Amino acid sequence: MAPRFHKLTVTDIRQETPDCISIAFGIPSECREAFAFRPGQNLVLRTRMPDGELRRNYSLCSSPLDGECRIAVKRNAHFMRVRFRRMCRMGVDLRCRNASV
């Protein structure tokens, strides 16, 4: 399946270390196949900024056997500083591109 962006809902946020959080996404049933992943793959998150679009890659940190899609985000990451910390909370929908290598 060709990569494309899907609307995913934040279902869990964990403070993993003082400078890192992990974020889990709910995968709608119609997107399950697109978000089946292997170790080493990543997700691309997209957001709109006043001066254009911002995309960032994040490694998947959950196991494909866990049944969840979870990324780790460091506090010093540009996306985290600029926009993510304000908008990322439980129940928020984010645009994510299906897993790729």
Protein backbone atom coordinates (compact mmCIF):
# COMPACT_ATOMS: atom_id res chain seq x y z
CA MET A 1 0.00 0.00 0.00
CA ALA A 2 1.41 3.40 -0.96
CA PRO A 3 2.17 5.73 1.95
CA ARG A 4 -0.47 8.38 2.58
CA PHE A 5 -1.60 10.45 5.55
CA HIS A 6 -4.40 9.27 7.82
CA LYS A 7 -6.13 10.93 10.76
CA LEU A 8 -5.15 9.09 13.95
CA THR A 9 -6.30 9.82 17.50
CA VAL A 10 -3.89 10.12 20.42
CA THR A 11 -4.96 7.43 22.90
CA ASP A 12 -2.14 7.52 25.45
CA ILE A 13 0.77 9.75 26.45
CA ARG A 14 3.48 8.51 28.82
CA GLN A 15 6.38 10.38 30.38
CA GLU A 16 9.13 7.83 29.68
CA THR A 17 12.10 9.89 30.92
CA PRO A 18 12.48 13.53 32.01
CA ASP A 19 13.09 14.53 28.37
CA CYS A 20 11.03 11.98 26.42
CA ILE A 21 7.38 11.07 26.05
CA SER A 22 5.77 8.24 24.13
CA ILE A 23 2.52 8.69 22.27
CA ALA A 24 0.13 5.91 21.27
CA PHE A 25 -2.37 6.27 18.45
CA GLY A 26 -5.70 4.57 17.91
CA ILE A 27 -5.79 2.95 14.49
CA PRO A 28 -9.23 2.92 12.82
CA SER A 29 -10.25 -0.50 11.51
CA GLU A 30 -10.13 0.72 7.89
CA CYS A 31 -6.44 1.68 8.39
CA ARG A 32 -5.18 -1.41 10.24
CA GLU A 33 -3.51 -2.90 7.17
CA ALA A 34 -1.79 0.40 6.32
CA PHE A 35 -0.38 0.67 9.86
CA ALA A 36 0.84 -2.92 10.22
CA PHE A 37 4.55 -2.41 10.81
CA ARG A 38 7.86 -4.19 11.31
CA PRO A 39 10.62 -3.30 13.80
CA GLY A 40 12.75 -0.40 12.57
CA GLN A 41 9.97 1.44 10.76
CA ASN A 42 8.81 4.98 11.46
CA LEU A 43 5.78 7.26 11.19
CA VAL A 44 5.71 10.71 9.65
CA LEU A 45 3.58 13.25 11.50
CA ARG A 46 2.34 16.33 9.69
CA THR A 47 1.01 19.61 11.00
CA ARG A 48 0.23 22.98 9.45
CA MET A 49 2.28 25.99 10.49
CA PRO A 50 1.67 29.65 9.65
CA ASP A 51 4.55 29.50 7.16
CA GLY A 52 3.69 26.09 5.66
CA GLU A 53 3.63 22.43 6.46
CA LEU A 54 5.90 20.71 9.00
CA ARG A 55 6.67 16.99 8.78
CA ARG A 56 8.74 14.95 11.20
CA ASN A 57 9.73 11.27 11.29
CA TYR A 58 9.45 9.34 14.55
CA SER A 59 10.58 5.79 15.21
CA LEU A 60 7.96 3.34 16.30
CA CYS A 61 8.91 2.20 19.79
CA SER A 62 6.26 -0.46 20.32
CA SER A 63 6.48 -4.04 19.15
CA PRO A 64 4.24 -5.13 16.28
CA LEU A 65 3.08 -7.84 18.71
CA ASP A 66 1.89 -5.22 21.27
CA GLY A 67 -1.17 -4.35 19.23
CA GLU A 68 -0.48 -0.62 19.48
CA CYS A 69 1.19 2.05 17.39
CA ARG A 70 3.48 4.13 19.66
CA ILE A 71 6.24 6.65 18.94
CA ALA A 72 8.86 8.23 21.21
CA VAL A 73 9.37 12.01 21.08
CA LYS A 74 12.28 13.78 22.77
CA ARG A 75 11.61 17.16 24.34
CA ASN A 76 14.36 18.81 22.30
CA ALA A 77 12.95 17.62 18.98
CA HIS A 78 11.96 20.58 16.80
CA PHE A 79 8.41 19.32 16.26
CA MET A 80 7.99 18.86 20.01
CA ARG A 81 9.25 22.38 20.82
CA VAL A 82 7.37 24.20 18.13
CA ARG A 83 3.93 22.70 18.08
CA PHE A 84 3.55 19.23 19.48
CA ARG A 85 3.57 20.02 23.19
CA ARG A 86 0.69 22.49 22.79
CA MET A 87 -1.51 20.33 20.60
CA CYS A 88 -0.68 16.78 21.67
CA ARG A 89 -3.13 15.60 24.28
CA MET A 90 -5.49 12.70 24.68
CA GLY A 91 -8.23 12.56 22.05
CA VAL A 92 -6.53 14.90 19.57
CA ASP A 93 -6.42 13.81 15.94
CA LEU A 94 -3.07 14.06 14.15
CA ARG A 95 -2.15 13.38 10.54
CA CYS A 96 0.20 10.38 10.29
CA ARG A 97 1.63 8.64 7.27
CA ASN A 98 1.57 4.87 7.43
CA ALA A 99 4.71 3.05 8.54
CA SER A 100 7.73 3.03 6.27
CA VAL A 101 11.43 2.19 6.47
